[in-house]
Amino acid sequence: MSVDADLHLRWPDGLAPTTGELAALLGLRYGADGGPWGEATAPDGRSTMRVRISTDPADLLGPRPGRAAEHRYDHCLLLTPARREPYPLDTYAVLRAHARETIALLRPHGLIEAAFGIDSPGADDYWTAARTLLAPEPADVDLTLCWGTETPTQHTTRYTGRQITPDQLDTFADHLTATLTRPGEQLDLTLRLGPHLLRHQTATQPPTALRLLP
């Protein structure tokens, strides 16, 4: 079974970092061949994550939930646990946590959109910056949250905010999704600002120690 995951990243037009700049931001250690591979300590603190930064046109086409056609991103990080001990105890959880830590690291550096997926053509996680959907000035917002434990069972909650800035909306969305997807919860959720997708997360998978082939 594959243990590879893709993390697609997008910046504002013309502002994407180069491969070298992105590698520096991520603190990757390049191999002797000078290629775009690097390694980082995985979020479990015990295993090693191998990362390749790709700008191959085929790799840059990634998912955007709710859209049938693939979406073009600026970079694709190909993630896989290093095939040496100690192996992660829960490969899916480690891959997902690494992707979320990477998104959090890159947000202050202009990242505006990201999608993470493993063994699936769709996105397990999708995030976009509120500033891509709102003007800088405070504005009234209407949010729709849909969640459920299994399709097609869903619940819907609506939120209204008065004179909200993009940063305030991002903070609220982060808190809301983190609360609903805390460990032990098995929820799919989608958060929209009007018709626009703001956050999407699938339920956390059961702990899975995937075999790593040498």
N, C-alpha and C. Protein backbone atom coordinates (compact mmCIF):
# COMPACT_ATOMS: atom_id res chain seq x y z
N MET A 1 0.85 -1.19 0.00
CA MET A 1 0.00 0.00 0.00
C MET A 1 0.88 1.24 0.00
N SER A 2 0.54 2.19 -0.81
CA SER A 2 1.33 3.41 -0.90
C SER A 2 1.25 4.21 0.40
N VAL A 3 2.36 4.85 0.74
CA VAL A 3 2.35 5.75 1.89
C VAL A 3 2.75 7.15 1.45
N ASP A 4 2.64 7.42 0.16
CA ASP A 4 2.98 8.75 -0.35
C ASP A 4 1.79 9.69 -0.24
N ALA A 5 2.07 10.94 -0.05
CA ALA A 5 1.03 11.97 0.01
C ALA A 5 1.50 13.17 -0.80
N ASP A 6 0.54 13.94 -1.28
CA ASP A 6 0.82 15.17 -2.02
C ASP A 6 0.31 16.37 -1.21
N LEU A 7 1.11 17.41 -1.16
CA LEU A 7 0.67 18.68 -0.58
C LEU A 7 0.87 19.75 -1.65
N HIS A 8 -0.24 20.24 -2.20
CA HIS A 8 -0.21 21.26 -3.25
C HIS A 8 -0.28 22.64 -2.62
N LEU A 9 0.53 23.57 -3.15
CA LEU A 9 0.66 24.91 -2.57
C LEU A 9 0.52 25.97 -3.64
N ARG A 10 -0.16 27.07 -3.29
CA ARG A 10 -0.31 28.18 -4.24
C ARG A 10 -0.12 29.52 -3.54
N TRP A 11 0.55 30.42 -4.25
CA TRP A 11 0.78 31.79 -3.80
C TRP A 11 0.06 32.75 -4.75
N PRO A 12 -0.03 34.03 -4.41
CA PRO A 12 -0.58 35.00 -5.36
C PRO A 12 0.21 35.00 -6.67
N ASP A 13 -0.44 35.35 -7.75
CA ASP A 13 0.20 35.34 -9.06
C ASP A 13 1.51 36.13 -9.04
N GLY A 14 2.57 35.48 -9.49
CA GLY A 14 3.87 36.13 -9.59
C GLY A 14 4.66 36.19 -8.30
N LEU A 15 4.13 35.69 -7.20
CA LEU A 15 4.80 35.81 -5.90
C LEU A 15 5.23 34.48 -5.31
N ALA A 16 5.13 33.40 -6.07
CA ALA A 16 5.54 32.09 -5.57
C ALA A 16 7.05 32.05 -5.38
N PRO A 17 7.54 31.45 -4.30
CA PRO A 17 8.98 31.32 -4.12
C PRO A 17 9.56 30.32 -5.12
N THR A 18 10.85 30.42 -5.36
CA THR A 18 11.53 29.43 -6.19
C THR A 18 11.65 28.13 -5.40
N THR A 19 12.05 27.08 -6.07
CA THR A 19 12.24 25.80 -5.38
C THR A 19 13.28 25.95 -4.27
N GLY A 20 14.38 26.65 -4.57
CA GLY A 20 15.41 26.85 -3.55
C GLY A 20 14.91 27.67 -2.38
N GLU A 21 14.13 28.72 -2.65
CA GLU A 21 13.59 29.55 -1.57
C GLU A 21 12.62 28.75 -0.71
N LEU A 22 11.80 27.92 -1.36
CA LEU A 22 10.85 27.10 -0.59
C LEU A 22 11.59 26.08 0.26
N ALA A 23 12.63 25.47 -0.30
CA ALA A 23 13.42 24.51 0.47
C ALA A 23 14.04 25.18 1.70
N ALA A 24 14.52 26.42 1.54
CA ALA A 24 15.11 27.14 2.67
C ALA A 24 14.06 27.42 3.74
N LEU A 25 12.85 27.81 3.31
CA LEU A 25 11.78 28.05 4.27
C LEU A 25 11.43 26.80 5.05
N LEU A 26 11.50 25.64 4.39
CA LEU A 26 11.13 24.38 5.03
C LEU A 26 12.29 23.73 5.78
N GLY A 27 13.48 24.30 5.64
CA GLY A 27 14.63 23.75 6.34
C GLY A 27 15.05 22.39 5.84
N LEU A 28 14.88 22.14 4.55
CA LEU A 28 15.20 20.83 4.00
C LEU A 28 16.71 20.68 3.81
N ARG A 29 17.18 19.46 4.03
CA ARG A 29 18.59 19.14 3.82
C ARG A 29 18.70 18.41 2.49
N TYR A 30 19.35 19.05 1.53
CA TYR A 30 19.46 18.47 0.20
C TYR A 30 20.52 17.38 0.17
N GLY A 31 20.31 16.39 -0.73
CA GLY A 31 21.27 15.31 -0.89
C GLY A 31 22.49 15.76 -1.66
N ALA A 32 23.46 14.85 -1.77
CA ALA A 32 24.72 15.18 -2.43
C ALA A 32 24.54 15.47 -3.90
N ASP A 33 23.46 14.94 -4.50
CA ASP A 33 23.24 15.18 -5.93
C ASP A 33 22.67 16.56 -6.21
N GLY A 34 22.35 17.31 -5.15
CA GLY A 34 21.82 18.65 -5.32
C GLY A 34 20.40 18.70 -5.80
N GLY A 35 19.73 17.54 -5.83
CA GLY A 35 18.35 17.47 -6.28
C GLY A 35 17.38 18.03 -5.27
N PRO A 36 16.10 18.10 -5.66
CA PRO A 36 15.09 18.72 -4.80
C PRO A 36 14.55 17.81 -3.71
N TRP A 37 15.33 16.85 -3.24
CA TRP A 37 14.93 16.01 -2.13
C TRP A 37 15.49 16.56 -0.83
N GLY A 38 14.75 16.39 0.23
CA GLY A 38 15.24 16.77 1.54
C GLY A 38 14.56 15.94 2.60
N GLU A 39 15.03 16.05 3.81
CA GLU A 39 14.45 15.30 4.92
C GLU A 39 14.18 16.23 6.09
N ALA A 40 13.18 15.86 6.86
CA ALA A 40 12.82 16.63 8.05
C ALA A 40 12.30 15.67 9.10
N THR A 41 12.45 16.02 10.34
CA THR A 41 11.89 15.21 11.41
C THR A 41 10.38 15.26 11.35
N ALA A 42 9.74 14.10 11.39
CA ALA A 42 8.29 14.02 11.31
C ALA A 42 7.66 14.53 12.60
N PRO A 43 6.37 14.91 12.55
CA PRO A 43 5.71 15.45 13.75
C PRO A 43 5.65 14.50 14.94
N ASP A 44 5.84 13.19 14.70
CA ASP A 44 5.83 12.27 15.84
C ASP A 44 7.12 12.33 16.64
N GLY A 45 8.13 13.07 16.10
CA GLY A 45 9.39 13.24 16.83
C GLY A 45 10.31 12.05 16.77
N ARG A 46 9.91 10.98 16.07
CA ARG A 46 10.73 9.78 16.05
C ARG A 46 11.13 9.35 14.63
N SER A 47 10.23 9.51 13.69
CA SER A 47 10.51 9.09 12.32
C SER A 47 10.98 10.28 11.48
N THR A 48 11.38 9.98 10.25
CA THR A 48 11.89 10.99 9.34
C THR A 48 10.99 11.10 8.13
N MET A 49 10.66 12.32 7.74
CA MET A 49 9.83 12.56 6.58
C MET A 49 10.72 12.94 5.40
N ARG A 50 10.52 12.27 4.28
CA ARG A 50 11.25 12.61 3.07
C ARG A 50 10.37 13.49 2.20
N VAL A 51 10.93 14.57 1.69
CA VAL A 51 10.16 15.58 0.96
C VAL A 51 10.84 15.87 -0.37
N ARG A 52 10.06 15.90 -1.43
CA ARG A 52 10.58 16.36 -2.71
C ARG A 52 9.70 17.51 -3.19
N ILE A 53 10.31 18.61 -3.56
CA ILE A 53 9.58 19.76 -4.10
C ILE A 53 9.50 19.60 -5.61
N SER A 54 8.31 19.56 -6.14
CA SER A 54 8.14 19.35 -7.57
C SER A 54 7.48 20.55 -8.22
N THR A 55 7.99 20.91 -9.38
CA THR A 55 7.33 21.90 -10.23
C THR A 55 7.00 21.27 -11.58
N ASP A 56 7.01 19.94 -11.64
CA ASP A 56 6.60 19.24 -12.85
C ASP A 56 5.16 19.61 -13.18
N PRO A 57 4.87 20.01 -14.41
CA PRO A 57 3.50 20.44 -14.75
C PRO A 57 2.43 19.42 -14.37
N ALA A 58 2.74 18.12 -14.50
CA ALA A 58 1.75 17.10 -14.15
C ALA A 58 1.49 17.08 -12.65
N ASP A 59 2.53 17.30 -11.85
CA ASP A 59 2.37 17.29 -10.39
C ASP A 59 1.65 18.53 -9.88
N LEU A 60 1.71 19.63 -10.64
CA LEU A 60 1.13 20.87 -10.17
C LEU A 60 -0.40 20.90 -10.30
N LEU A 61 -0.96 19.95 -11.02
CA LEU A 61 -2.42 19.86 -11.11
C LEU A 61 -2.93 19.07 -9.92
N GLY A 62 -3.74 19.72 -9.09
CA GLY A 62 -4.20 19.08 -7.87
C GLY A 62 -5.68 19.33 -7.64
N PRO A 63 -6.19 18.76 -6.55
CA PRO A 63 -7.64 18.85 -6.28
C PRO A 63 -8.05 20.17 -5.65
N ARG A 64 -9.26 20.56 -5.92
CA ARG A 64 -9.95 21.61 -5.20
C ARG A 64 -11.36 21.08 -4.95
N PRO A 65 -11.71 20.77 -3.70
CA PRO A 65 -13.01 20.14 -3.43
C PRO A 65 -14.16 20.92 -4.05
N GLY A 66 -15.10 20.18 -4.62
CA GLY A 66 -16.26 20.80 -5.25
C GLY A 66 -16.05 21.13 -6.71
N ARG A 67 -14.83 20.96 -7.21
CA ARG A 67 -14.53 21.23 -8.61
C ARG A 67 -14.16 19.92 -9.30
N ALA A 68 -14.78 19.65 -10.43
CA ALA A 68 -14.49 18.41 -11.16
C ALA A 68 -13.12 18.47 -11.81
N ALA A 69 -12.76 19.63 -12.37
CA ALA A 69 -11.47 19.78 -13.05
C ALA A 69 -10.35 19.98 -12.03
N GLU A 70 -9.15 19.51 -12.40
CA GLU A 70 -8.02 19.72 -11.53
C GLU A 70 -7.61 21.19 -11.54
N HIS A 71 -6.99 21.62 -10.47
CA HIS A 71 -6.64 23.02 -10.23
C HIS A 71 -5.12 23.15 -10.28
N ARG A 72 -4.61 24.23 -10.86
CA ARG A 72 -3.16 24.40 -10.98
C ARG A 72 -2.61 25.12 -9.76
N TYR A 73 -1.57 24.51 -9.16
CA TYR A 73 -0.86 25.08 -8.02
C TYR A 73 0.56 25.48 -8.45
N ASP A 74 1.29 26.14 -7.55
CA ASP A 74 2.65 26.56 -7.85
C ASP A 74 3.70 25.50 -7.52
N HIS A 75 3.47 24.77 -6.45
CA HIS A 75 4.41 23.74 -6.02
C HIS A 75 3.63 22.52 -5.54
N CYS A 76 4.27 21.38 -5.64
CA CYS A 76 3.72 20.16 -5.05
C CYS A 76 4.82 19.53 -4.20
N LEU A 77 4.53 19.31 -2.92
CA LEU A 77 5.46 18.59 -2.05
C LEU A 77 5.04 17.12 -2.04
N LEU A 78 5.96 16.25 -2.42
CA LEU A 78 5.71 14.82 -2.38
C LEU A 78 6.28 14.30 -1.06
N LEU A 79 5.41 13.79 -0.22
CA LEU A 79 5.78 13.41 1.14
C LEU A 79 5.74 11.89 1.31
N THR A 80 6.74 11.35 1.97
CA THR A 80 6.73 9.93 2.33
C THR A 80 7.64 9.72 3.53
N PRO A 81 7.24 8.88 4.48
CA PRO A 81 8.16 8.57 5.57
C PRO A 81 9.40 7.86 5.03
N ALA A 82 10.56 8.22 5.55
CA ALA A 82 11.80 7.57 5.12
C ALA A 82 11.74 6.08 5.42
N ARG A 83 12.26 5.28 4.51
CA ARG A 83 12.16 3.83 4.65
C ARG A 83 13.31 3.28 5.50
N ARG A 84 13.34 3.72 6.72
CA ARG A 84 14.32 3.22 7.68
C ARG A 84 13.75 3.42 9.07
N GLU A 85 14.19 2.63 9.99
CA GLU A 85 13.70 2.72 11.36
C GLU A 85 14.21 4.00 12.03
N PRO A 86 13.46 4.54 13.00
CA PRO A 86 12.15 4.04 13.46
C PRO A 86 11.02 4.48 12.52
N TYR A 87 10.13 3.56 12.20
CA TYR A 87 8.99 3.87 11.36
C TYR A 87 7.89 4.55 12.18
N PRO A 88 7.06 5.37 11.55
CA PRO A 88 5.95 5.98 12.29
C PRO A 88 4.95 4.92 12.73
N LEU A 89 4.35 5.11 13.88
CA LEU A 89 3.35 4.16 14.37
C LEU A 89 2.03 4.31 13.62
N ASP A 90 1.73 5.51 13.17
CA ASP A 90 0.51 5.78 12.41
C ASP A 90 0.89 6.65 11.22
N THR A 91 1.10 6.01 10.07
CA THR A 91 1.63 6.70 8.91
C THR A 91 0.71 7.81 8.43
N TYR A 92 -0.59 7.53 8.34
CA TYR A 92 -1.54 8.54 7.86
C TYR A 92 -1.51 9.76 8.76
N ALA A 93 -1.56 9.55 10.06
CA ALA A 93 -1.58 10.68 11.00
C ALA A 93 -0.31 11.52 10.88
N VAL A 94 0.83 10.86 10.69
CA VAL A 94 2.10 11.58 10.59
C VAL A 94 2.14 12.41 9.30
N LEU A 95 1.70 11.82 8.19
CA LEU A 95 1.68 12.56 6.93
C LEU A 95 0.77 13.78 7.02
N ARG A 96 -0.41 13.57 7.58
CA ARG A 96 -1.37 14.68 7.68
C ARG A 96 -0.86 15.77 8.61
N ALA A 97 -0.29 15.37 9.74
CA ALA A 97 0.25 16.35 10.67
C ALA A 97 1.40 17.13 10.05
N HIS A 98 2.24 16.45 9.27
CA HIS A 98 3.35 17.15 8.61
C HIS A 98 2.82 18.17 7.61
N ALA A 99 1.79 17.78 6.86
CA ALA A 99 1.20 18.71 5.90
C ALA A 99 0.62 19.93 6.61
N ARG A 100 -0.08 19.73 7.72
CA ARG A 100 -0.67 20.86 8.44
C ARG A 100 0.40 21.76 9.05
N GLU A 101 1.48 21.18 9.55
CA GLU A 101 2.56 22.00 10.08
C GLU A 101 3.22 22.82 8.96
N THR A 102 3.34 22.22 7.78
CA THR A 102 3.93 22.93 6.65
C THR A 102 3.06 24.11 6.23
N ILE A 103 1.75 23.90 6.18
CA ILE A 103 0.83 24.99 5.83
C ILE A 103 0.94 26.13 6.86
N ALA A 104 0.96 25.77 8.14
CA ALA A 104 1.07 26.79 9.19
C ALA A 104 2.39 27.56 9.06
N LEU A 105 3.47 26.86 8.69
CA LEU A 105 4.77 27.52 8.53
C LEU A 105 4.77 28.49 7.36
N LEU A 106 4.08 28.14 6.28
CA LEU A 106 4.14 28.94 5.06
C LEU A 106 3.10 30.06 5.00
N ARG A 107 2.10 30.00 5.83
CA ARG A 107 1.07 31.05 5.80
C ARG A 107 1.64 32.45 6.00
N PRO A 108 2.57 32.67 6.93
CA PRO A 108 3.13 34.02 7.07
C PRO A 108 4.00 34.44 5.87
N HIS A 109 4.32 33.50 4.99
CA HIS A 109 5.16 33.80 3.83
C HIS A 109 4.35 33.89 2.55
N GLY A 110 3.06 34.21 2.69
CA GLY A 110 2.26 34.53 1.52
C GLY A 110 1.43 33.42 0.94
N LEU A 111 1.50 32.20 1.50
CA LEU A 111 0.70 31.09 0.98
C LEU A 111 -0.78 31.45 1.03
N ILE A 112 -1.51 31.15 -0.04
CA ILE A 112 -2.95 31.49 -0.05
C ILE A 112 -3.85 30.28 -0.28
N GLU A 113 -3.28 29.13 -0.63
CA GLU A 113 -4.13 27.97 -0.88
C GLU A 113 -3.29 26.70 -0.76
N ALA A 114 -3.89 25.64 -0.18
CA ALA A 114 -3.17 24.37 -0.04
C ALA A 114 -4.17 23.23 -0.04
N ALA A 115 -3.76 22.09 -0.60
CA ALA A 115 -4.58 20.88 -0.61
C ALA A 115 -3.69 19.69 -0.33
N PHE A 116 -4.13 18.81 0.58
CA PHE A 116 -3.38 17.63 0.98
C PHE A 116 -4.20 16.39 0.67
N GLY A 117 -3.55 15.37 0.13
CA GLY A 117 -4.26 14.13 -0.16
C GLY A 117 -3.32 12.94 -0.12
N ILE A 118 -3.86 11.77 0.25
CA ILE A 118 -3.08 10.54 0.28
C ILE A 118 -3.93 9.42 -0.29
N ASP A 119 -3.34 8.69 -1.25
CA ASP A 119 -4.02 7.54 -1.86
C ASP A 119 -5.42 7.87 -2.32
N SER A 120 -5.61 9.07 -2.85
CA SER A 120 -6.94 9.50 -3.27
C SER A 120 -6.79 10.62 -4.28
N PRO A 121 -7.67 10.66 -5.30
CA PRO A 121 -7.61 11.78 -6.24
C PRO A 121 -8.16 13.07 -5.65
N GLY A 122 -8.85 12.99 -4.52
CA GLY A 122 -9.42 14.17 -3.90
C GLY A 122 -8.52 14.72 -2.81
N ALA A 123 -9.03 15.68 -2.06
CA ALA A 123 -8.26 16.32 -1.00
C ALA A 123 -8.79 15.88 0.37
N ASP A 124 -7.90 15.40 1.23
CA ASP A 124 -8.27 15.11 2.61
C ASP A 124 -8.37 16.41 3.41
N ASP A 125 -7.50 17.35 3.10
CA ASP A 125 -7.53 18.68 3.72
C ASP A 125 -7.46 19.73 2.61
N TYR A 126 -8.22 20.80 2.78
CA TYR A 126 -8.12 21.94 1.86
C TYR A 126 -8.21 23.20 2.69
N TRP A 127 -7.33 24.17 2.37
CA TRP A 127 -7.29 25.44 3.10
C TRP A 127 -7.08 26.56 2.11
N THR A 128 -7.77 27.68 2.31
CA THR A 128 -7.48 28.88 1.54
C THR A 128 -7.54 30.09 2.47
N ALA A 129 -6.72 31.08 2.19
CA ALA A 129 -6.65 32.28 3.02
C ALA A 129 -7.89 33.14 2.82
N ALA A 130 -8.43 33.65 3.90
CA ALA A 130 -9.64 34.48 3.81
C ALA A 130 -9.40 35.74 2.98
N ARG A 131 -8.15 36.21 2.94
CA ARG A 131 -7.89 37.45 2.19
C ARG A 131 -8.09 37.27 0.69
N THR A 132 -8.15 36.02 0.20
CA THR A 132 -8.44 35.80 -1.21
C THR A 132 -9.93 35.94 -1.50
N LEU A 133 -10.76 35.97 -0.45
CA LEU A 133 -12.21 36.03 -0.62
C LEU A 133 -12.81 37.30 -0.07
N LEU A 134 -12.06 38.03 0.78
CA LEU A 134 -12.57 39.26 1.41
C LEU A 134 -11.66 40.44 1.08
N ALA A 135 -12.23 41.62 1.00
CA ALA A 135 -11.43 42.84 0.89
C ALA A 135 -10.74 43.10 2.24
N PRO A 136 -9.64 43.88 2.25
CA PRO A 136 -8.95 44.14 3.52
C PRO A 136 -9.81 44.85 4.55
N GLU A 137 -10.77 45.65 4.09
CA GLU A 137 -11.60 46.40 5.03
C GLU A 137 -12.59 45.46 5.74
N PRO A 138 -12.93 45.74 7.01
CA PRO A 138 -13.92 44.92 7.72
C PRO A 138 -15.23 44.85 6.95
N ALA A 139 -15.84 43.68 6.99
CA ALA A 139 -17.09 43.47 6.26
C ALA A 139 -17.95 42.46 7.00
N ASP A 140 -19.25 42.47 6.73
CA ASP A 140 -20.15 41.46 7.28
C ASP A 140 -19.95 40.16 6.51
N VAL A 141 -19.99 39.04 7.23
CA VAL A 141 -19.76 37.74 6.57
C VAL A 141 -20.84 36.75 6.99
N ASP A 142 -21.14 35.84 6.09
CA ASP A 142 -22.05 34.73 6.37
C ASP A 142 -21.32 33.43 6.06
N LEU A 143 -21.20 32.59 7.07
CA LEU A 143 -20.50 31.32 6.93
C LEU A 143 -21.49 30.17 7.04
N THR A 144 -21.22 29.12 6.28
CA THR A 144 -22.00 27.90 6.37
C THR A 144 -21.08 26.74 6.67
N LEU A 145 -21.35 26.03 7.76
CA LEU A 145 -20.56 24.87 8.15
C LEU A 145 -21.41 23.62 7.96
N CYS A 146 -20.89 22.68 7.18
CA CYS A 146 -21.54 21.38 7.00
C CYS A 146 -20.64 20.31 7.57
N TRP A 147 -21.21 19.43 8.36
CA TRP A 147 -20.40 18.34 8.90
C TRP A 147 -21.24 17.08 9.06
N GLY A 148 -20.57 15.96 9.12
CA GLY A 148 -21.26 14.69 9.27
C GLY A 148 -20.28 13.58 9.51
N THR A 149 -20.77 12.48 10.06
CA THR A 149 -19.92 11.34 10.34
C THR A 149 -19.86 10.39 9.16
N GLU A 150 -20.84 10.44 8.31
CA GLU A 150 -20.82 9.63 7.10
C GLU A 150 -21.81 10.21 6.10
N THR A 151 -21.45 10.13 4.83
CA THR A 151 -22.32 10.63 3.78
C THR A 151 -23.47 9.65 3.59
N PRO A 152 -24.73 10.08 3.37
CA PRO A 152 -25.11 11.48 3.13
C PRO A 152 -25.59 12.22 4.37
N THR A 153 -25.44 11.61 5.56
CA THR A 153 -25.88 12.28 6.78
C THR A 153 -25.03 13.53 7.01
N GLN A 154 -25.69 14.69 7.04
CA GLN A 154 -24.96 15.95 7.27
C GLN A 154 -25.76 16.87 8.15
N HIS A 155 -25.04 17.75 8.81
CA HIS A 155 -25.65 18.79 9.63
C HIS A 155 -25.13 20.13 9.13
N THR A 156 -25.93 21.16 9.27
CA THR A 156 -25.55 22.48 8.78
C THR A 156 -25.75 23.52 9.88
N THR A 157 -24.73 24.36 10.06
CA THR A 157 -24.81 25.48 10.99
C THR A 157 -24.38 26.74 10.25
N ARG A 158 -25.05 27.83 10.54
CA ARG A 158 -24.70 29.09 9.88
C ARG A 158 -24.23 30.10 10.92
N TYR A 159 -23.22 30.87 10.53
CA TYR A 159 -22.64 31.90 11.39
C TYR A 159 -22.68 33.24 10.65
N THR A 160 -22.95 34.29 11.40
CA THR A 160 -22.93 35.64 10.84
C THR A 160 -21.96 36.48 11.64
N GLY A 161 -21.07 37.17 10.94
CA GLY A 161 -20.12 38.06 11.60
C GLY A 161 -20.27 39.47 11.10
N ARG A 162 -20.12 40.44 11.99
CA ARG A 162 -20.25 41.85 11.63
C ARG A 162 -18.89 42.52 11.65
N GLN A 163 -18.56 43.19 10.54
CA GLN A 163 -17.33 43.96 10.42
C GLN A 163 -16.10 43.10 10.77
N ILE A 164 -15.95 42.04 10.00
CA ILE A 164 -14.89 41.06 10.21
C ILE A 164 -13.77 41.30 9.20
N THR A 165 -12.52 41.24 9.68
CA THR A 165 -11.37 41.35 8.78
C THR A 165 -10.96 39.95 8.33
N PRO A 166 -10.17 39.85 7.23
CA PRO A 166 -9.70 38.53 6.80
C PRO A 166 -8.94 37.79 7.89
N ASP A 167 -8.08 38.48 8.63
CA ASP A 167 -7.32 37.81 9.69
C ASP A 167 -8.25 37.27 10.78
N GLN A 168 -9.27 38.03 11.14
CA GLN A 168 -10.22 37.56 12.14
C GLN A 168 -10.99 36.34 11.64
N LEU A 169 -11.33 36.34 10.36
CA LEU A 169 -12.05 35.20 9.80
C LEU A 169 -11.17 33.97 9.79
N ASP A 170 -9.91 34.12 9.41
CA ASP A 170 -8.99 32.97 9.44
C ASP A 170 -8.84 32.42 10.85
N THR A 171 -8.72 33.29 11.83
CA THR A 171 -8.59 32.85 13.22
C THR A 171 -9.81 32.07 13.66
N PHE A 172 -10.99 32.58 13.34
CA PHE A 172 -12.23 31.89 13.70
C PHE A 172 -12.32 30.54 13.00
N ALA A 173 -12.00 30.51 11.69
CA ALA A 173 -12.08 29.26 10.93
C ALA A 173 -11.09 28.23 11.48
N ASP A 174 -9.89 28.67 11.83
CA ASP A 174 -8.89 27.75 12.38
C ASP A 174 -9.39 27.16 13.70
N HIS A 175 -9.92 28.01 14.57
CA HIS A 175 -10.41 27.54 15.87
C HIS A 175 -11.58 26.58 15.70
N LEU A 176 -12.48 26.91 14.81
CA LEU A 176 -13.67 26.08 14.61
C LEU A 176 -13.29 24.69 14.09
N THR A 177 -12.45 24.65 13.06
CA THR A 177 -12.08 23.36 12.49
C THR A 177 -11.23 22.54 13.46
N ALA A 178 -10.34 23.19 14.21
CA ALA A 178 -9.52 22.47 15.18
C ALA A 178 -10.40 21.86 16.28
N THR A 179 -11.42 22.58 16.70
CA THR A 179 -12.31 22.08 17.74
C THR A 179 -13.10 20.88 17.26
N LEU A 180 -13.59 20.95 16.04
CA LEU A 180 -14.43 19.88 15.51
C LEU A 180 -13.63 18.65 15.08
N THR A 181 -12.34 18.81 14.84
CA THR A 181 -11.53 17.68 14.38
C THR A 181 -10.49 17.29 15.42
N ARG A 182 -10.78 17.52 16.69
CA ARG A 182 -9.84 17.12 17.74
C ARG A 182 -9.74 15.59 17.76
N PRO A 183 -8.66 15.05 18.35
CA PRO A 183 -8.46 13.60 18.35
C PRO A 183 -9.68 12.84 18.87
N GLY A 184 -10.03 11.80 18.16
CA GLY A 184 -11.17 10.98 18.56
C GLY A 184 -12.43 11.27 17.78
N GLU A 185 -12.51 12.46 17.17
CA GLU A 185 -13.69 12.81 16.38
C GLU A 185 -13.53 12.26 14.95
N GLN A 186 -14.63 11.76 14.40
CA GLN A 186 -14.62 11.22 13.04
C GLN A 186 -15.62 12.02 12.21
N LEU A 187 -15.23 13.25 11.86
CA LEU A 187 -16.14 14.15 11.16
C LEU A 187 -15.55 14.61 9.84
N ASP A 188 -16.39 14.62 8.81
CA ASP A 188 -16.09 15.36 7.59
C ASP A 188 -16.67 16.75 7.76
N LEU A 189 -15.96 17.77 7.36
CA LEU A 189 -16.52 19.13 7.49
C LEU A 189 -16.11 20.00 6.31
N THR A 190 -17.00 20.92 6.00
CA THR A 190 -16.78 21.91 4.96
C THR A 190 -17.26 23.26 5.47
N LEU A 191 -16.42 24.28 5.33
CA LEU A 191 -16.77 25.63 5.77
C LEU A 191 -16.72 26.55 4.56
N ARG A 192 -17.82 27.24 4.31
CA ARG A 192 -17.93 28.13 3.15
C ARG A 192 -18.22 29.56 3.58
N LEU A 193 -17.64 30.48 2.83
CA LEU A 193 -17.95 31.90 2.95
C LEU A 193 -18.82 32.24 1.76
N GLY A 194 -20.12 32.34 1.98
CA GLY A 194 -21.03 32.47 0.86
C GLY A 194 -20.90 31.22 0.00
N PRO A 195 -20.68 31.37 -1.31
CA PRO A 195 -20.52 30.19 -2.17
C PRO A 195 -19.08 29.66 -2.21
N HIS A 196 -18.16 30.36 -1.54
CA HIS A 196 -16.73 30.05 -1.70
C HIS A 196 -16.24 29.11 -0.60
N LEU A 197 -15.47 28.11 -1.00
CA LEU A 197 -14.92 27.15 -0.05
C LEU A 197 -13.77 27.77 0.72
N LEU A 198 -13.83 27.67 2.05
CA LEU A 198 -12.80 28.23 2.92
C LEU A 198 -11.95 27.13 3.57
N ARG A 199 -12.60 26.08 4.08
CA ARG A 199 -11.92 24.95 4.70
C ARG A 199 -12.65 23.67 4.32
N HIS A 200 -11.90 22.57 4.19
CA HIS A 200 -12.48 21.26 3.95
C HIS A 200 -11.58 20.24 4.61
N GLN A 201 -12.16 19.37 5.43
CA GLN A 201 -11.37 18.32 6.07
C GLN A 201 -12.19 17.04 6.13
N THR A 202 -11.56 15.93 5.73
CA THR A 202 -12.22 14.65 5.86
C THR A 202 -11.93 14.08 7.24
N ALA A 203 -12.72 13.07 7.63
CA ALA A 203 -12.55 12.46 8.94
C ALA A 203 -11.16 11.86 9.07
N THR A 204 -10.61 11.94 10.27
CA THR A 204 -9.33 11.30 10.55
C THR A 204 -9.47 9.79 10.38
N GLN A 205 -8.50 9.20 9.72
CA GLN A 205 -8.55 7.77 9.49
C GLN A 205 -8.19 7.01 10.77
N PRO A 206 -8.68 5.76 10.91
CA PRO A 206 -8.26 4.95 12.05
C PRO A 206 -6.75 4.78 12.05
N PRO A 207 -6.12 4.64 13.24
CA PRO A 207 -4.66 4.48 13.27
C PRO A 207 -4.22 3.34 12.36
N THR A 208 -3.26 3.64 11.50
CA THR A 208 -2.83 2.65 10.52
C THR A 208 -1.30 2.69 10.43
N ALA A 209 -0.67 1.57 10.80
CA ALA A 209 0.77 1.45 10.65
C ALA A 209 1.03 0.79 9.30
N LEU A 210 1.18 1.60 8.27
CA LEU A 210 1.38 1.08 6.92
C LEU A 210 2.78 0.51 6.78
N ARG A 211 2.87 -0.61 6.08
CA ARG A 211 4.15 -1.23 5.86
C ARG A 211 4.98 -0.41 4.87
N LEU A 212 6.26 -0.25 5.19
CA LEU A 212 7.16 0.47 4.31
C LEU A 212 8.08 -0.54 3.65
N LEU A 213 8.01 -0.62 2.33
CA LEU A 213 8.84 -1.57 1.61
C LEU A 213 10.23 -1.01 1.41
N PRO A 214 11.28 -1.84 1.55
CA PRO A 214 12.64 -1.34 1.37
C PRO A 214 12.88 -0.97 -0.08
